[in-house]
Amino acid sequence: SSWGESENRRRARYYQLTASGQRRLQRETEEWKRIALAMQ
């Protein structure tokens, strides 16, 4: 995260994925797809 200015000119904390977060997203997505298919 880092501080920046929002569209209404207020100070806001901005968030972005890290490389580790990207890998976590991939793993979690695959797991949830497997769970959703099993539930279906």
Full PDB file with SEQRES, HELIX, SHEET, SSBOND, CRYST1, ORIGX, SCALE, CONECT and MASTER records, all heavy atoms in Angstrom:
SEQRES   1 A   40  SER SER TRP GLY GLU SER GLU ASN ARG ARG ARG ALA ARG          
SEQRES   2 A   40  TYR TYR GLN LEU THR ALA SER GLY GLN ARG ARG LEU GLN          
SEQRES   3 A   40  ARG GLU THR GLU GLU TRP LYS ARG ILE ALA LEU ALA MET          
SEQRES   4 A   40  GLN                                                          
HELIX    1 AA1 ALA A   19  MET A   39  1                                  21    
SHEET    1 AA1 2 SER A   2  GLU A   5  0                                        
SHEET    2 AA1 2 ARG A  11  TYR A  14 -1                                        
CRYST1    1.000    1.000    1.000  90.00  90.00  90.00 P 1           1          
ORIGX1      1.000000  0.000000  0.000000        0.00000                         
ORIGX2      0.000000  1.000000  0.000000        0.00000                         
ORIGX3      0.000000  0.000000  1.000000        0.00000                         
SCALE1      1.000000  0.000000  0.000000        0.00000                         
SCALE2      0.000000  1.000000  0.000000        0.00000                         
SCALE3      0.000000  0.000000  1.000000        0.00000                         
ATOM      1  N   SER A   1       0.833  -1.207   0.000  1.00  0.00           N  
ATOM      2  CA  SER A   1       0.000   0.000   0.000  1.00  0.00           C  
ATOM      3  C   SER A   1       0.862   1.250   0.000  1.00  0.00           C  
ATOM      4  O   SER A   1       2.033   1.214   0.368  1.00  0.00           O  
ATOM      5  CB  SER A   1      -0.936   0.011   1.213  1.00  0.00           C  
ATOM      6  OG  SER A   1      -0.204   0.179   2.411  1.00  0.00           O  
ATOM      7  N   SER A   2       0.254   2.332  -0.433  1.00  0.00           N  
ATOM      8  CA  SER A   2       0.906   3.641  -0.412  1.00  0.00           C  
ATOM      9  C   SER A   2      -0.179   4.707  -0.313  1.00  0.00           C  
ATOM     10  O   SER A   2      -1.330   4.471  -0.696  1.00  0.00           O  
ATOM     11  CB  SER A   2       1.757   3.843  -1.661  1.00  0.00           C  
ATOM     12  OG  SER A   2       0.951   3.773  -2.816  1.00  0.00           O  
ATOM     13  N   TRP A   3       0.200   5.856   0.191  1.00  0.00           N  
ATOM     14  CA  TRP A   3      -0.748   6.950   0.307  1.00  0.00           C  
ATOM     15  C   TRP A   3      -0.822   7.728  -1.002  1.00  0.00           C  
ATOM     16  O   TRP A   3       0.170   7.899  -1.695  1.00  0.00           O  
ATOM     17  CB  TRP A   3      -0.342   7.893   1.441  1.00  0.00           C  
ATOM     18  CG  TRP A   3      -0.581   7.293   2.784  1.00  0.00           C  
ATOM     19  CD1 TRP A   3       0.342   6.711   3.598  1.00  0.00           C  
ATOM     20  CD2 TRP A   3      -1.830   7.183   3.451  1.00  0.00           C  
ATOM     21  NE1 TRP A   3      -0.256   6.246   4.739  1.00  0.00           N  
ATOM     22  CE2 TRP A   3      -1.592   6.522   4.685  1.00  0.00           C  
ATOM     23  CE3 TRP A   3      -3.132   7.551   3.147  1.00  0.00           C  
ATOM     24  CZ2 TRP A   3      -2.599   6.247   5.594  1.00  0.00           C  
ATOM     25  CZ3 TRP A   3      -4.145   7.287   4.060  1.00  0.00           C  
ATOM     26  CH2 TRP A   3      -3.876   6.647   5.265  1.00  0.00           C  
ATOM     27  N   GLY A   4      -2.029   8.170  -1.304  1.00  0.00           N  
ATOM     28  CA  GLY A   4      -2.244   8.977  -2.497  1.00  0.00           C  
ATOM     29  C   GLY A   4      -3.474   9.845  -2.309  1.00  0.00           C  
ATOM     30  O   GLY A   4      -4.058   9.891  -1.220  1.00  0.00           O  
ATOM     31  N   GLU A   5      -3.879  10.494  -3.373  1.00  0.00           N  
ATOM     32  CA  GLU A   5      -5.049  11.364  -3.332  1.00  0.00           C  
ATOM     33  C   GLU A   5      -6.182  10.723  -4.123  1.00  0.00           C  
ATOM     34  O   GLU A   5      -5.989  10.275  -5.251  1.00  0.00           O  
ATOM     35  CB  GLU A   5      -4.693  12.726  -3.932  1.00  0.00           C  
ATOM     36  CG  GLU A   5      -5.760  13.769  -3.715  1.00  0.00           C  
ATOM     37  CD  GLU A   5      -5.296  15.136  -4.186  1.00  0.00           C  
ATOM     38  OE1 GLU A   5      -4.461  15.744  -3.508  1.00  0.00           O  
ATOM     39  OE2 GLU A   5      -5.790  15.572  -5.246  1.00  0.00           O  
ATOM     40  N   SER A   6      -7.367  10.660  -3.510  1.00  0.00           N  
ATOM     41  CA  SER A   6      -8.525  10.056  -4.173  1.00  0.00           C  
ATOM     42  C   SER A   6      -9.127  11.031  -5.174  1.00  0.00           C  
ATOM     43  O   SER A   6      -8.711  12.193  -5.259  1.00  0.00           O  
ATOM     44  CB  SER A   6      -9.576   9.649  -3.140  1.00  0.00           C  
ATOM     45  OG  SER A   6     -10.160  10.800  -2.563  1.00  0.00           O  
ATOM     46  N   GLU A   7     -10.127  10.551  -5.906  1.00  0.00           N  
ATOM     47  CA  GLU A   7     -10.777  11.384  -6.919  1.00  0.00           C  
ATOM     48  C   GLU A   7     -11.461  12.608  -6.326  1.00  0.00           C  
ATOM     49  O   GLU A   7     -11.647  13.610  -7.005  1.00  0.00           O  
ATOM     50  CB  GLU A   7     -11.767  10.567  -7.765  1.00  0.00           C  
ATOM     51  CG  GLU A   7     -12.806   9.802  -6.994  1.00  0.00           C  
ATOM     52  CD  GLU A   7     -12.332   8.450  -6.463  1.00  0.00           C  
ATOM     53  OE1 GLU A   7     -11.209   8.027  -6.757  1.00  0.00           O  
ATOM     54  OE2 GLU A   7     -13.101   7.834  -5.719  1.00  0.00           O  
ATOM     55  N   ASN A   8     -11.797  12.559  -5.029  1.00  0.00           N  
ATOM     56  CA  ASN A   8     -12.417  13.738  -4.397  1.00  0.00           C  
ATOM     57  C   ASN A   8     -11.385  14.535  -3.576  1.00  0.00           C  
ATOM     58  O   ASN A   8     -11.739  15.255  -2.664  1.00  0.00           O  
ATOM     59  CB  ASN A   8     -13.621  13.342  -3.546  1.00  0.00           C  
ATOM     60  CG  ASN A   8     -13.265  12.400  -2.431  1.00  0.00           C  
ATOM     61  OD1 ASN A   8     -12.108  12.055  -2.250  1.00  0.00           O  
ATOM     62  ND2 ASN A   8     -14.263  11.982  -1.675  1.00  0.00           N  
ATOM     63  N   ARG A   9     -10.116  14.351  -3.938  1.00  0.00           N  
ATOM     64  CA  ARG A   9      -8.995  15.104  -3.373  1.00  0.00           C  
ATOM     65  C   ARG A   9      -8.764  14.852  -1.877  1.00  0.00           C  
ATOM     66  O   ARG A   9      -8.263  15.709  -1.168  1.00  0.00           O  
ATOM     67  CB  ARG A   9      -9.137  16.596  -3.634  1.00  0.00           C  
ATOM     68  CG  ARG A   9      -9.153  16.940  -5.105  1.00  0.00           C  
ATOM     69  CD  ARG A   9      -9.092  18.440  -5.296  1.00  0.00           C  
ATOM     70  NE  ARG A   9      -9.156  18.781  -6.701  1.00  0.00           N  
ATOM     71  CZ  ARG A   9      -8.104  18.919  -7.477  1.00  0.00           C  
ATOM     72  NH1 ARG A   9      -6.906  18.733  -6.999  1.00  0.00           N  
ATOM     73  NH2 ARG A   9      -8.236  19.241  -8.742  1.00  0.00           N  
ATOM     74  N   ARG A  10      -9.144  13.679  -1.427  1.00  0.00           N  
ATOM     75  CA  ARG A  10      -8.871  13.287  -0.043  1.00  0.00           C  
ATOM     76  C   ARG A  10      -7.701  12.325  -0.027  1.00  0.00           C  
ATOM     77  O   ARG A  10      -7.486  11.575  -0.977  1.00  0.00           O  
ATOM     78  CB  ARG A  10     -10.087  12.619   0.575  1.00  0.00           C  
ATOM     79  CG  ARG A  10     -11.231  13.572   0.756  1.00  0.00           C  
ATOM     80  CD  ARG A  10     -12.325  12.875   1.475  1.00  0.00           C  
ATOM     81  NE  ARG A  10     -12.950  13.838   2.362  1.00  0.00           N  
ATOM     82  CZ  ARG A  10     -13.846  13.529   3.248  1.00  0.00           C  
ATOM     83  NH1 ARG A  10     -14.237  12.291   3.397  1.00  0.00           N  
ATOM     84  NH2 ARG A  10     -14.373  14.447   4.018  1.00  0.00           N  
ATOM     85  N   ARG A  11      -7.003  12.327   1.067  1.00  0.00           N  
ATOM     86  CA  ARG A  11      -5.888  11.395   1.244  1.00  0.00           C  
ATOM     87  C   ARG A  11      -6.463   9.990   1.402  1.00  0.00           C  
ATOM     88  O   ARG A  11      -7.399   9.773   2.175  1.00  0.00           O  
ATOM     89  CB  ARG A  11      -5.109  11.803   2.486  1.00  0.00           C  
ATOM     90  CG  ARG A  11      -3.825  11.078   2.656  1.00  0.00           C  
ATOM     91  CD  ARG A  11      -3.089  11.663   3.843  1.00  0.00           C  
ATOM     92  NE  ARG A  11      -2.360  10.616   4.495  1.00  0.00           N  
ATOM     93  CZ  ARG A  11      -1.070  10.649   4.704  1.00  0.00           C  
ATOM     94  NH1 ARG A  11      -0.377  11.695   4.344  1.00  0.00           N  
ATOM     95  NH2 ARG A  11      -0.461   9.652   5.297  1.00  0.00           N  
ATOM     96  N   ALA A  12      -5.928   9.049   0.653  1.00  0.00           N  
ATOM     97  CA  ALA A  12      -6.433   7.673   0.683  1.00  0.00           C  
ATOM     98  C   ALA A  12      -5.265   6.697   0.555  1.00  0.00           C  
ATOM     99  O   ALA A  12      -4.256   7.006  -0.077  1.00  0.00           O  
ATOM    100  CB  ALA A  12      -7.432   7.443  -0.453  1.00  0.00           C  
ATOM    101  N   ARG A  13      -5.449   5.544   1.143  1.00  0.00           N  
ATOM    102  CA  ARG A  13      -4.438   4.486   1.044  1.00  0.00           C  
ATOM    103  C   ARG A  13      -4.792   3.616  -0.162  1.00  0.00           C  
ATOM    104  O   ARG A  13      -5.915   3.132  -0.276  1.00  0.00           O  
ATOM    105  CB  ARG A  13      -4.412   3.669   2.323  1.00  0.00           C  
ATOM    106  CG  ARG A  13      -3.234   2.761   2.391  1.00  0.00           C  
ATOM    107  CD  ARG A  13      -2.993   2.303   3.842  1.00  0.00           C  
ATOM    108  NE  ARG A  13      -1.620   1.919   3.969  1.00  0.00           N  
ATOM    109  CZ  ARG A  13      -0.667   2.638   4.525  1.00  0.00           C  
ATOM    110  NH1 ARG A  13      -0.967   3.796   5.056  1.00  0.00           N  
ATOM    111  NH2 ARG A  13       0.563   2.211   4.574  1.00  0.00           N  
ATOM    112  N   TYR A  14      -3.837   3.447  -1.060  1.00  0.00           N  
ATOM    113  CA  TYR A  14      -4.026   2.653  -2.273  1.00  0.00           C  
ATOM    114  C   TYR A  14      -3.328   1.307  -2.115  1.00  0.00           C  
ATOM    115  O   TYR A  14      -2.219   1.232  -1.582  1.00  0.00           O  
ATOM    116  CB  TYR A  14      -3.478   3.396  -3.493  1.00  0.00           C  
ATOM    117  CG  TYR A  14      -4.407   4.487  -3.948  1.00  0.00           C  
ATOM    118  CD1 TYR A  14      -4.425   5.720  -3.315  1.00  0.00           C  
ATOM    119  CD2 TYR A  14      -5.293   4.267  -4.993  1.00  0.00           C  
ATOM    120  CE1 TYR A  14      -5.292   6.724  -3.719  1.00  0.00           C  
ATOM    121  CE2 TYR A  14      -6.164   5.260  -5.414  1.00  0.00           C  
ATOM    122  CZ  TYR A  14      -6.159   6.479  -4.769  1.00  0.00           C  
ATOM    123  OH  TYR A  14      -7.028   7.460  -5.180  1.00  0.00           O  
ATOM    124  N   TYR A  15      -3.994   0.255  -2.609  1.00  0.00           N  
ATOM    125  CA  TYR A  15      -3.494  -1.116  -2.466  1.00  0.00           C  
ATOM    126  C   TYR A  15      -3.238  -1.716  -3.839  1.00  0.00           C  
ATOM    127  O   TYR A  15      -3.957  -1.442  -4.792  1.00  0.00           O  
ATOM    128  CB  TYR A  15      -4.524  -1.969  -1.720  1.00  0.00           C  
ATOM    129  CG  TYR A  15      -4.766  -1.478  -0.325  1.00  0.00           C  
ATOM    130  CD1 TYR A  15      -5.749  -0.527  -0.073  1.00  0.00           C  
ATOM    131  CD2 TYR A  15      -3.998  -1.936   0.737  1.00  0.00           C  
ATOM    132  CE1 TYR A  15      -5.958  -0.049   1.214  1.00  0.00           C  
ATOM    133  CE2 TYR A  15      -4.204  -1.465   2.024  1.00  0.00           C  
ATOM    134  CZ  TYR A  15      -5.182  -0.524   2.255  1.00  0.00           C  
ATOM    135  OH  TYR A  15      -5.392  -0.051   3.529  1.00  0.00           O  
ATOM    136  N   GLN A  16      -2.202  -2.566  -3.901  1.00  0.00           N  
ATOM    137  CA  GLN A  16      -1.923  -3.299  -5.130  1.00  0.00           C  
ATOM    138  C   GLN A  16      -1.380  -4.678  -4.773  1.00  0.00           C  
ATOM    139  O   GLN A  16      -0.818  -4.885  -3.693  1.00  0.00           O  
ATOM    140  CB  GLN A  16      -0.964  -2.547  -6.031  1.00  0.00           C  
ATOM    141  CG  GLN A  16       0.440  -2.415  -5.475  1.00  0.00           C  
ATOM    142  CD  GLN A  16       1.310  -1.588  -6.402  1.00  0.00           C  
ATOM    143  OE1 GLN A  16       1.319  -0.372  -6.307  1.00  0.00           O  
ATOM    144  NE2 GLN A  16       2.053  -2.242  -7.266  1.00  0.00           N  
ATOM    145  N   LEU A  17      -1.570  -5.622  -5.682  1.00  0.00           N  
ATOM    146  CA  LEU A  17      -1.072  -6.979  -5.488  1.00  0.00           C  
ATOM    147  C   LEU A  17       0.442  -7.014  -5.589  1.00  0.00           C  
ATOM    148  O   LEU A  17       1.026  -6.316  -6.423  1.00  0.00           O  
ATOM    149  CB  LEU A  17      -1.616  -7.914  -6.571  1.00  0.00           C  
ATOM    150  CG  LEU A  17      -3.029  -8.423  -6.455  1.00  0.00           C  
ATOM    151  CD1 LEU A  17      -3.349  -9.328  -7.639  1.00  0.00           C  
ATOM    152  CD2 LEU A  17      -3.247  -9.160  -5.157  1.00  0.00           C  
ATOM    153  N   THR A  18       1.054  -7.841  -4.773  1.00  0.00           N  
ATOM    154  CA  THR A  18       2.472  -8.143  -4.914  1.00  0.00           C  
ATOM    155  C   THR A  18       2.583  -9.412  -5.763  1.00  0.00           C  
ATOM    156  O   THR A  18       1.566 -10.048  -6.070  1.00  0.00           O  
ATOM    157  CB  THR A  18       3.113  -8.400  -3.544  1.00  0.00           C  
ATOM    158  OG1 THR A  18       2.481  -9.543  -2.958  1.00  0.00           O  
ATOM    159  CG2 THR A  18       2.993  -7.190  -2.627  1.00  0.00           C  
ATOM    160  N   ALA A  19       3.798  -9.793  -6.117  1.00  0.00           N  
ATOM    161  CA  ALA A  19       3.995 -11.052  -6.858  1.00  0.00           C  
ATOM    162  C   ALA A  19       3.495 -12.223  -6.029  1.00  0.00           C  
ATOM    163  O   ALA A  19       2.861 -13.147  -6.545  1.00  0.00           O  
ATOM    164  CB  ALA A  19       5.468 -11.228  -7.218  1.00  0.00           C  
ATOM    165  N   SER A  20       3.723 -12.164  -4.732  1.00  0.00           N  
ATOM    166  CA  SER A  20       3.241 -13.210  -3.828  1.00  0.00           C  
ATOM    167  C   SER A  20       1.706 -13.242  -3.811  1.00  0.00           C  
ATOM    168  O   SER A  20       1.084 -14.308  -3.783  1.00  0.00           O  
ATOM    169  CB  SER A  20       3.787 -12.967  -2.418  1.00  0.00           C  
ATOM    170  OG  SER A  20       3.308 -13.922  -1.521  1.00  0.00           O  
ATOM    171  N   GLY A  21       1.098 -12.072  -3.830  1.00  0.00           N  
ATOM    172  CA  GLY A  21      -0.362 -11.979  -3.871  1.00  0.00           C  
ATOM    173  C   GLY A  21      -0.931 -12.532  -5.161  1.00  0.00           C  
ATOM    174  O   GLY A  21      -1.984 -13.165  -5.171  1.00  0.00           O  
ATOM    175  N   GLN A  22      -0.216 -12.306  -6.242  1.00  0.00           N  
ATOM    176  CA  GLN A  22      -0.630 -12.833  -7.545  1.00  0.00           C  
ATOM    177  C   GLN A  22      -0.623 -14.360  -7.523  1.00  0.00           C  
ATOM    178  O   GLN A  22      -1.543 -15.003  -8.009  1.00  0.00           O  
ATOM    179  CB  GLN A  22       0.309 -12.291  -8.632  1.00  0.00           C  
ATOM    180  CG  GLN A  22      -0.130 -12.573 -10.022  1.00  0.00           C  
ATOM    181  CD  GLN A  22      -1.275 -11.684 -10.461  1.00  0.00           C  
ATOM    182  OE1 GLN A  22      -1.996 -11.116  -9.668  1.00  0.00           O  
ATOM    183  NE2 GLN A  22      -1.470 -11.571 -11.735  1.00  0.00           N  
ATOM    184  N   ARG A  23       0.442 -14.929  -6.957  1.00  0.00           N  
ATOM    185  CA  ARG A  23       0.526 -16.399  -6.848  1.00  0.00           C  
ATOM    186  C   ARG A  23      -0.572 -16.932  -5.942  1.00  0.00           C  
ATOM    187  O   ARG A  23      -1.196 -17.952  -6.242  1.00  0.00           O  
ATOM    188  CB  ARG A  23       1.905 -16.818  -6.331  1.00  0.00           C  
ATOM    189  CG  ARG A  23       3.017 -16.626  -7.344  1.00  0.00           C  
ATOM    190  CD  ARG A  23       4.329 -17.240  -6.885  1.00  0.00           C  
ATOM    191  NE  ARG A  23       4.842 -16.662  -5.653  1.00  0.00           N  
ATOM    192  CZ  ARG A  23       5.606 -15.577  -5.585  1.00  0.00           C  
ATOM    193  NH1 ARG A  23       5.941 -14.935  -6.699  1.00  0.00           N  
ATOM    194  NH2 ARG A  23       6.035 -15.129  -4.430  1.00  0.00           N  
ATOM    195  N   ARG A  24      -0.830 -16.226  -4.847  1.00  0.00           N  
ATOM    196  CA  ARG A  24      -1.897 -16.649  -3.928  1.00  0.00           C  
ATOM    197  C   ARG A  24      -3.249 -16.609  -4.631  1.00  0.00           C  
ATOM    198  O   ARG A  24      -4.075 -17.510  -4.465  1.00  0.00           O  
ATOM    199  CB  ARG A  24      -1.902 -15.753  -2.690  1.00  0.00           C  
ATOM    200  CG  ARG A  24      -2.899 -16.137  -1.651  1.00  0.00           C  
ATOM    201  CD  ARG A  24      -2.578 -17.501  -1.092  1.00  0.00           C  
ATOM    202  NE  ARG A  24      -3.552 -17.868  -0.087  1.00  0.00           N  
ATOM    203  CZ  ARG A  24      -3.381 -18.855   0.748  1.00  0.00           C  
ATOM    204  NH1 ARG A  24      -2.293 -19.580   0.706  1.00  0.00           N  
ATOM    205  NH2 ARG A  24      -4.307 -19.134   1.627  1.00  0.00           N  
ATOM    206  N   LEU A  25      -3.499 -15.577  -5.413  1.00  0.00           N  
ATOM    207  CA  LEU A  25      -4.743 -15.462  -6.164  1.00  0.00           C  
ATOM    208  C   LEU A  25      -4.908 -16.650  -7.103  1.00  0.00           C  
ATOM    209  O   LEU A  25      -5.992 -17.239  -7.181  1.00  0.00           O  
ATOM    210  CB  LEU A  25      -4.778 -14.151  -6.947  1.00  0.00           C  
ATOM    211  CG  LEU A  25      -5.953 -13.960  -7.908  1.00  0.00           C  
ATOM    212  CD1 LEU A  25      -7.292 -14.027  -7.173  1.00  0.00           C  
ATOM    213  CD2 LEU A  25      -5.805 -12.647  -8.662  1.00  0.00           C  
ATOM    214  N   GLN A  26      -3.855 -17.026  -7.797  1.00  0.00           N  
ATOM    215  CA  GLN A  26      -3.924 -18.180  -8.708  1.00  0.00           C  
ATOM    216  C   GLN A  26      -4.284 -19.452  -7.954  1.00  0.00           C  
ATOM    217  O   GLN A  26      -5.157 -20.211  -8.379  1.00  0.00           O  
ATOM    218  CB  GLN A  26      -2.593 -18.379  -9.424  1.00  0.00           C  
ATOM    219  CG  GLN A  26      -2.426 -17.547 -10.654  1.00  0.00           C  
ATOM    220  CD  GLN A  26      -1.145 -17.943 -11.369  1.00  0.00           C  
ATOM    221  OE1 GLN A  26      -0.050 -17.878 -10.800  1.00  0.00           O  
ATOM    222  NE2 GLN A  26      -1.278 -18.342 -12.614  1.00  0.00           N  
ATOM    223  N   ARG A  27      -3.586 -19.709  -6.847  1.00  0.00           N  
ATOM    224  CA  ARG A  27      -3.850 -20.921  -6.059  1.00  0.00           C  
ATOM    225  C   ARG A  27      -5.266 -20.940  -5.516  1.00  0.00           C  
ATOM    226  O   ARG A  27      -5.961 -21.957  -5.600  1.00  0.00           O  
ATOM    227  CB  ARG A  27      -2.848 -21.049  -4.909  1.00  0.00           C  
ATOM    228  CG  ARG A  27      -1.476 -21.502  -5.346  1.00  0.00           C  
ATOM    229  CD  ARG A  27      -0.603 -21.906  -4.170  1.00  0.00           C  
ATOM    230  NE  ARG A  27      -0.437 -20.866  -3.175  1.00  0.00           N  
ATOM    231  CZ  ARG A  27       0.527 -19.946  -3.171  1.00  0.00           C  
ATOM    232  NH1 ARG A  27       1.428 -19.935  -4.124  1.00  0.00           N  
ATOM    233  NH2 ARG A  27       0.601 -19.050  -2.215  1.00  0.00           N  
ATOM    234  N   GLU A  28      -5.704 -19.829  -4.940  1.00  0.00           N  
ATOM    235  CA  GLU A  28      -7.048 -19.753  -4.362  1.00  0.00           C  
ATOM    236  C   GLU A  28      -8.130 -19.885  -5.431  1.00  0.00           C  
ATOM    237  O   GLU A  28      -9.162 -20.505  -5.200  1.00  0.00           O  
ATOM    238  CB  GLU A  28      -7.231 -18.439  -3.592  1.00  0.00           C  
ATOM    239  CG  GLU A  28      -6.439 -18.369  -2.309  1.00  0.00           C  
ATOM    240  CD  GLU A  28      -6.919 -19.368  -1.276  1.00  0.00           C  
ATOM    241  OE1 GLU A  28      -8.141 -19.542  -1.113  1.00  0.00           O  
ATOM    242  OE2 GLU A  28      -6.068 -19.982  -0.623  1.00  0.00           O  
ATOM    243  N   THR A  29      -7.893 -19.297  -6.590  1.00  0.00           N  
ATOM    244  CA  THR A  29      -8.861 -19.394  -7.692  1.00  0.00           C  
ATOM    245  C   THR A  29      -9.048 -20.847  -8.105  1.00  0.00           C  
ATOM    246  O   THR A  29     -10.186 -21.316  -8.262  1.00  0.00           O  
ATOM    247  CB  THR A  29      -8.409 -18.537  -8.889  1.00  0.00           C  
ATOM    248  OG1 THR A  29      -8.347 -17.170  -8.474  1.00  0.00           O  
ATOM    249  CG2 THR A  29      -9.366 -18.669 -10.055  1.00  0.00           C  
ATOM    250  N   GLU A  30      -7.959 -21.560  -8.271  1.00  0.00           N  
ATOM    251  CA  GLU A  30      -8.045 -22.975  -8.652  1.00  0.00           C  
ATOM    252  C   GLU A  30      -8.765 -23.797  -7.589  1.00  0.00           C  
ATOM    253  O   GLU A  30      -9.593 -24.649  -7.904  1.00  0.00           O  
ATOM    254  CB  GLU A  30      -6.654 -23.553  -8.929  1.00  0.00           C  
ATOM    255  CG  GLU A  30      -6.017 -23.005 -10.191  1.00  0.00           C  
ATOM    256  CD  GLU A  30      -6.910 -23.167 -11.418  1.00  0.00           C  
ATOM    257  OE1 GLU A  30      -7.455 -24.273 -11.633  1.00  0.00           O  
ATOM    258  OE2 GLU A  30      -7.066 -22.187 -12.161  1.00  0.00           O  
ATOM    259  N   GLU A  31      -8.466 -23.530  -6.332  1.00  0.00           N  
ATOM    260  CA  GLU A  31      -9.127 -24.258  -5.231  1.00  0.00           C  
ATOM    261  C   GLU A  31     -10.626 -23.976  -5.206  1.00  0.00           C  
ATOM    262  O   GLU A  31     -11.435 -24.884  -5.055  1.00  0.00           O  
ATOM    263  CB  GLU A  31      -8.475 -23.887  -3.899  1.00  0.00           C  
ATOM    264  CG  GLU A  31      -9.052 -24.606  -2.712  1.00  0.00           C  
ATOM    265  CD  GLU A  31      -8.804 -26.116  -2.718  1.00  0.00           C  
ATOM    266  OE1 GLU A  31      -7.948 -26.601  -3.473  1.00  0.00           O  
ATOM    267  OE2 GLU A  31      -9.498 -26.814  -1.964  1.00  0.00           O  
ATOM    268  N   TRP A  32     -11.016 -22.704  -5.357  1.00  0.00           N  
ATOM    269  CA  TRP A  32     -12.441 -22.358  -5.342  1.00  0.00           C  
ATOM    270  C   TRP A  32     -13.174 -22.934  -6.550  1.00  0.00           C  
ATOM    271  O   TRP A  32     -14.335 -23.318  -6.446  1.00  0.00           O  
ATOM    272  CB  TRP A  32     -12.637 -20.849  -5.238  1.00  0.00           C  
ATOM    273  CG  TRP A  32     -12.611 -20.414  -3.803  1.00  0.00           C  
ATOM    274  CD1 TRP A  32     -11.575 -19.855  -3.132  1.00  0.00           C  
ATOM    275  CD2 TRP A  32     -13.670 -20.553  -2.857  1.00  0.00           C  
ATOM    276  NE1 TRP A  32     -11.921 -19.634  -1.830  1.00  0.00           N  
ATOM    277  CE2 TRP A  32     -13.199 -20.046  -1.636  1.00  0.00           C  
ATOM    278  CE3 TRP A  32     -14.964 -21.051  -2.928  1.00  0.00           C  
ATOM    279  CZ2 TRP A  32     -13.983 -20.017  -0.482  1.00  0.00           C  
ATOM    280  CZ3 TRP A  32     -15.748 -21.028  -1.779  1.00  0.00           C  
ATOM    281  CH2 TRP A  32     -15.257 -20.522  -0.576  1.00  0.00           C  
ATOM    282  N   LYS A  33     -12.517 -22.998  -7.695  1.00  0.00           N  
ATOM    283  CA  LYS A  33     -13.144 -23.620  -8.864  1.00  0.00           C  
ATOM    284  C   LYS A  33     -13.425 -25.095  -8.593  1.00  0.00           C  
ATOM    285  O   LYS A  33     -14.485 -25.612  -8.947  1.00  0.00           O  
ATOM    286  CB  LYS A  33     -12.255 -23.464 -10.105  1.00  0.00           C  
ATOM    287  CG  LYS A  33     -12.261 -22.078 -10.689  1.00  0.00           C  
ATOM    288  CD  LYS A  33     -11.358 -22.007 -11.902  1.00  0.00           C  
ATOM    289  CE  LYS A  33     -11.353 -20.623 -12.505  1.00  0.00           C  
ATOM    290  NZ  LYS A  33     -10.452 -20.534 -13.674  1.00  0.00           N  
ATOM    291  N   ARG A  34     -12.461 -25.766  -7.946  1.00  0.00           N  
ATOM    292  CA  ARG A  34     -12.623 -27.175  -7.606  1.00  0.00           C  
ATOM    293  C   ARG A  34     -13.777 -27.355  -6.617  1.00  0.00           C  
ATOM    294  O   ARG A  34     -14.626 -28.233  -6.785  1.00  0.00           O  
ATOM    295  CB  ARG A  34     -11.314 -27.715  -7.011  1.00  0.00           C  
ATOM    296  CG  ARG A  34     -11.264 -29.211  -6.849  1.00  0.00           C  
ATOM    297  CD  ARG A  34      -9.941 -29.671  -6.251  1.00  0.00           C  
ATOM    298  NE  ARG A  34      -9.731 -29.240  -4.882  1.00  0.00           N  
ATOM    299  CZ  ARG A  34     -10.388 -29.718  -3.822  1.00  0.00           C  
ATOM    300  NH1 ARG A  34     -11.293 -30.640  -3.973  1.00  0.00           N  
ATOM    301  NH2 ARG A  34     -10.129 -29.273  -2.614  1.00  0.00           N  
ATOM    302  N   ILE A  35     -13.851 -26.490  -5.602  1.00  0.00           N  
ATOM    303  CA  ILE A  35     -14.919 -26.554  -4.601  1.00  0.00           C  
ATOM    304  C   ILE A  35     -16.272 -26.272  -5.247  1.00  0.00           C  
ATOM    305  O   ILE A  35     -17.253 -26.973  -4.990  1.00  0.00           O  
ATOM    306  CB  ILE A  35     -14.641 -25.564  -3.454  1.00  0.00           C  
ATOM    307  CG1 ILE A  35     -13.433 -26.041  -2.638  1.00  0.00           C  
ATOM    308  CG2 ILE A  35     -15.868 -25.382  -2.572  1.00  0.00           C  
ATOM    309  CD1 ILE A  35     -12.889 -25.002  -1.676  1.00  0.00           C  
ATOM    310  N   ALA A  36     -16.337 -25.248  -6.095  1.00  0.00           N  
ATOM    311  CA  ALA A  36     -17.598 -24.887  -6.748  1.00  0.00           C  
ATOM    312  C   ALA A  36     -18.102 -26.019  -7.631  1.00  0.00           C  
ATOM    313  O   ALA A  36     -19.308 -26.317  -7.649  1.00  0.00           O  
ATOM    314  CB  ALA A  36     -17.426 -23.613  -7.561  1.00  0.00           C  
ATOM    315  N   LEU A  37     -17.208 -26.683  -8.356  1.00  0.00           N  
ATOM    316  CA  LEU A  37     -17.590 -27.805  -9.207  1.00  0.00           C  
ATOM    317  C   LEU A  37     -18.124 -28.960  -8.359  1.00  0.00           C  
ATOM    318  O   LEU A  37     -19.145 -29.561  -8.695  1.00  0.00           O  
ATOM    319  CB  LEU A  37     -16.407 -28.259 -10.055  1.00  0.00           C  
ATOM    320  CG  LEU A  37     -16.672 -29.404 -11.032  1.00  0.00           C  
ATOM    321  CD1 LEU A  37     -17.791 -29.050 -12.003  1.00  0.00           C  
ATOM    322  CD2 LEU A  37     -15.388 -29.746 -11.785  1.00  0.00           C  
ATOM    323  N   ALA A  38     -17.456 -29.238  -7.244  1.00  0.00           N  
ATOM    324  CA  ALA A  38     -17.910 -30.305  -6.363  1.00  0.00           C  
ATOM    325  C   ALA A  38     -19.294 -29.994  -5.777  1.00  0.00           C  
ATOM    326  O   ALA A  38     -20.169 -30.877  -5.715  1.00  0.00           O  
ATOM    327  CB  ALA A  38     -16.900 -30.533  -5.236  1.00  0.00           C  
ATOM    328  N   MET A  39     -19.508 -28.750  -5.393  1.00  0.00           N  
ATOM    329  CA  MET A  39     -20.825 -28.344  -4.848  1.00  0.00           C  
ATOM    330  C   MET A  39     -21.900 -28.426  -5.928  1.00  0.00           C  
ATOM    331  O   MET A  39     -23.025 -28.867  -5.673  1.00  0.00           O  
ATOM    332  CB  MET A  39     -20.758 -26.929  -4.275  1.00  0.00           C  
ATOM    333  CG  MET A  39     -19.976 -26.849  -2.977  1.00  0.00           C  
ATOM    334  SD  MET A  39     -20.689 -27.885  -1.668  1.00  0.00           S  
ATOM    335  CE  MET A  39     -22.259 -27.115  -1.429  1.00  0.00           C  
ATOM    336  N   GLN A  40     -21.547 -28.016  -7.141  1.00  0.00           N  
ATOM    337  CA  GLN A  40     -22.495 -28.068  -8.250  1.00  0.00           C  
ATOM    338  C   GLN A  40     -22.918 -29.522  -8.493  1.00  0.00           C  
ATOM    339  O   GLN A  40     -24.092 -29.808  -8.672  1.00  0.00           O  
ATOM    340  CB  GLN A  40     -21.866 -27.479  -9.500  1.00  0.00           C  
ATOM    341  CG  GLN A  40     -22.795 -27.404 -10.676  1.00  0.00           C  
ATOM    342  CD  GLN A  40     -22.113 -26.765 -11.880  1.00  0.00           C  
ATOM    343  OE1 GLN A  40     -20.881 -26.656 -11.943  1.00  0.00           O  
ATOM    344  NE2 GLN A  40     -22.909 -26.345 -12.842  1.00  0.00           N  
TER     345      GLN A  40                                                      
MASTER        0    0    0    1    2    0    0    6  344    1    0    4          
END                                                                             
